[in-house]
Amino acid sequence: MSENNNENLRPSKMRGVPFPKAKYGVIAAIIIIAVINLIYYKDFLISLIK
């Protein structure tokens, strides 16, 4: 039983670090990918608008 409890604990140096919710990480990743794609394909997108 004690082995199971030890597996669930974070490493001692990481216990005080607050981790953000996973959904915020997913939203941030989507925003970052969208911004990078806009920068990469800006010439193509501008040509579509004209």
Protein backbone atom coordinates (compact mmCIF):
# COMPACT_ATOMS: atom_id res chain seq x y z
CA MET A 1 0.00 0.00 0.00
CA SER A 2 2.82 2.43 0.80
CA GLU A 3 4.47 1.74 -2.58
CA ASN A 4 1.29 2.87 -4.34
CA ASN A 5 1.26 6.15 -2.40
CA ASN A 6 4.89 6.86 -3.25
CA GLU A 7 4.23 6.49 -6.99
CA ASN A 8 1.50 9.14 -6.92
CA LEU A 9 3.67 11.80 -5.25
CA ARG A 10 5.60 14.31 -7.31
CA PRO A 11 9.37 14.65 -6.80
CA SER A 12 10.27 16.68 -3.72
CA LYS A 13 11.51 19.71 -5.69
CA MET A 14 8.32 19.77 -7.77
CA ARG A 15 5.78 19.64 -4.91
CA GLY A 16 5.61 23.40 -4.42
CA VAL A 17 5.26 24.18 -8.15
CA PRO A 18 1.66 24.92 -9.15
CA PHE A 19 0.76 23.31 -12.48
CA PRO A 20 -1.85 24.97 -14.72
CA LYS A 21 -4.96 23.10 -15.76
CA ALA A 22 -4.52 20.94 -18.85
CA LYS A 23 -7.22 22.78 -20.80
CA TYR A 24 -5.24 26.03 -20.60
CA GLY A 25 -2.22 24.26 -22.06
CA VAL A 26 -4.30 22.95 -24.95
CA ILE A 27 -5.73 26.40 -25.64
CA ALA A 28 -2.25 27.96 -25.50
CA ALA A 29 -0.88 25.32 -27.90
CA ILE A 30 -3.70 25.94 -30.39
CA ILE A 31 -3.15 29.71 -30.24
CA ILE A 32 0.61 29.32 -30.72
CA ILE A 33 0.16 26.98 -33.69
CA ALA A 34 -2.39 29.34 -35.28
CA VAL A 35 -0.11 32.36 -34.89
CA ILE A 36 2.88 30.53 -36.36
CA ASN A 37 0.79 29.36 -39.32
CA LEU A 38 -0.47 32.91 -39.90
CA ILE A 39 3.09 34.19 -39.96
CA TYR A 40 4.30 31.36 -42.19
CA TYR A 41 1.44 31.58 -44.71
CA LYS A 42 0.80 35.35 -44.62
CA ASP A 43 1.76 35.85 -48.28
CA PHE A 44 -0.67 33.11 -49.34
CA LEU A 45 -3.48 34.52 -47.19
CA ILE A 46 -2.91 38.05 -48.52
CA SER A 47 -3.07 36.76 -52.08
CA LEU A 48 -6.41 35.08 -51.33
CA ILE A 49 -7.88 38.35 -50.04
CA LYS A 50 -6.83 40.36 -53.12
